[in-house]
């Protein structure tokens, strides 16, 4: 099985998404972020968008990196009666 450019790009995008997600989850545990979350009930917009972007990049990268399901080729000379 050959590794195509699309698969390499997909793996790269998924790895970058994982890095973004790790940074965002680390930032969400910061003291300032915890105080903001306690007061407002949600993360800061920047942190939330980086988490969502990281998850999106992981999903998109995996979709590009995983092999596509291919249909078997049509059989020549099938036994379907002509009528």
Protein backbone atom coordinates (compact mmCIF):
# COMPACT_ATOMS: atom_id res chain seq x y z
CA UNK A 1 0.00 0.00 0.00
CA UNK A 2 1.57 3.24 -1.14
CA UNK A 3 1.50 6.30 1.07
CA UNK A 4 0.07 9.08 -1.04
CA UNK A 5 0.53 12.80 -0.57
CA UNK A 6 -3.05 13.09 0.62
CA UNK A 7 -2.43 10.56 3.40
CA UNK A 8 0.74 12.35 4.47
CA UNK A 9 -1.15 15.65 4.49
CA UNK A 10 -3.96 14.03 6.50
CA UNK A 11 -1.53 12.69 9.08
CA UNK A 12 0.10 16.12 9.33
CA UNK A 13 -3.25 17.88 9.79
CA UNK A 14 -4.31 15.35 12.44
CA UNK A 15 -1.01 15.80 14.31
CA UNK A 16 -1.36 19.58 14.20
CA UNK A 17 -4.94 19.26 15.47
CA UNK A 18 -3.71 17.11 18.34
CA UNK A 19 -1.13 19.74 19.22
CA UNK A 20 -3.75 22.51 19.15
CA UNK A 21 -6.05 20.44 21.33
CA UNK A 22 -3.29 19.73 23.85
CA UNK A 23 -2.37 23.42 24.07
CA UNK A 24 -6.01 24.46 24.45
CA UNK A 25 -6.72 21.91 27.17
CA UNK A 26 -3.57 23.02 28.97
CA UNK A 27 -4.68 26.66 28.69
CA UNK A 28 -8.14 25.80 29.98
CA UNK A 29 -6.52 24.59 33.20
CA UNK A 30 -4.70 27.91 33.80
CA UNK A 31 -5.61 29.89 36.92
CA UNK A 32 -6.98 32.88 34.98
CA UNK A 33 -9.12 30.59 32.84
CA UNK A 34 -10.51 28.81 35.92
CA UNK A 35 -11.52 32.14 37.48
CA UNK A 36 -13.22 33.20 34.23
CA UNK A 37 -15.00 29.87 34.00
CA UNK A 38 -16.19 30.15 37.61
CA UNK A 39 -17.62 33.61 36.95
CA UNK A 40 -19.16 33.05 33.51
CA UNK A 41 -19.71 29.29 33.44
CA UNK A 42 -17.78 28.79 30.18
CA UNK A 43 -14.27 29.02 28.77
CA UNK A 44 -12.93 32.11 27.04
CA UNK A 45 -13.85 32.38 23.36
CA UNK A 46 -10.25 31.91 22.24
CA UNK A 47 -9.81 28.73 24.27
CA UNK A 48 -13.11 27.32 23.09
CA UNK A 49 -12.33 28.00 19.42
CA UNK A 50 -8.89 26.41 19.70
CA UNK A 51 -10.47 23.28 21.24
CA UNK A 52 -13.11 23.12 18.49
CA UNK A 53 -10.49 23.79 15.79
CA UNK A 54 -8.20 21.10 17.18
CA UNK A 55 -11.00 18.53 17.18
CA UNK A 56 -12.02 19.55 13.66
CA UNK A 57 -8.45 19.23 12.40
CA UNK A 58 -8.10 15.78 13.96
CA UNK A 59 -11.33 14.59 12.31
CA UNK A 60 -10.44 16.11 8.93
CA UNK A 61 -6.93 14.70 9.07
CA UNK A 62 -8.15 11.22 9.89
CA UNK A 63 -10.67 11.37 7.05
CA UNK A 64 -7.86 12.24 4.63
CA UNK A 65 -5.40 9.72 6.05
CA UNK A 66 -7.65 6.67 6.23
CA UNK A 67 -8.03 4.65 3.04
CA UNK A 68 -11.23 5.11 1.09
CA UNK A 69 -13.54 2.14 0.68
CA UNK A 70 -13.46 1.05 -2.94
CA UNK A 71 -16.13 -0.81 -4.84
CA UNK A 72 -15.06 -3.97 -6.63
CA UNK A 73 -14.87 -3.57 -10.41
CA UNK A 74 -17.92 -4.60 -12.40
CA UNK A 75 -17.70 -8.10 -13.82
CA UNK A 76 -17.44 -8.39 -17.57
CA UNK A 77 -19.92 -10.70 -19.26
CA UNK A 78 -22.37 -11.00 -16.40
CA UNK A 79 -25.06 -13.63 -16.58
CA UNK A 80 -27.97 -11.19 -16.59
CA UNK A 81 -30.44 -12.37 -19.26
CA UNK A 82 -31.15 -9.93 -22.05
CA UNK A 83 -34.78 -9.68 -22.62
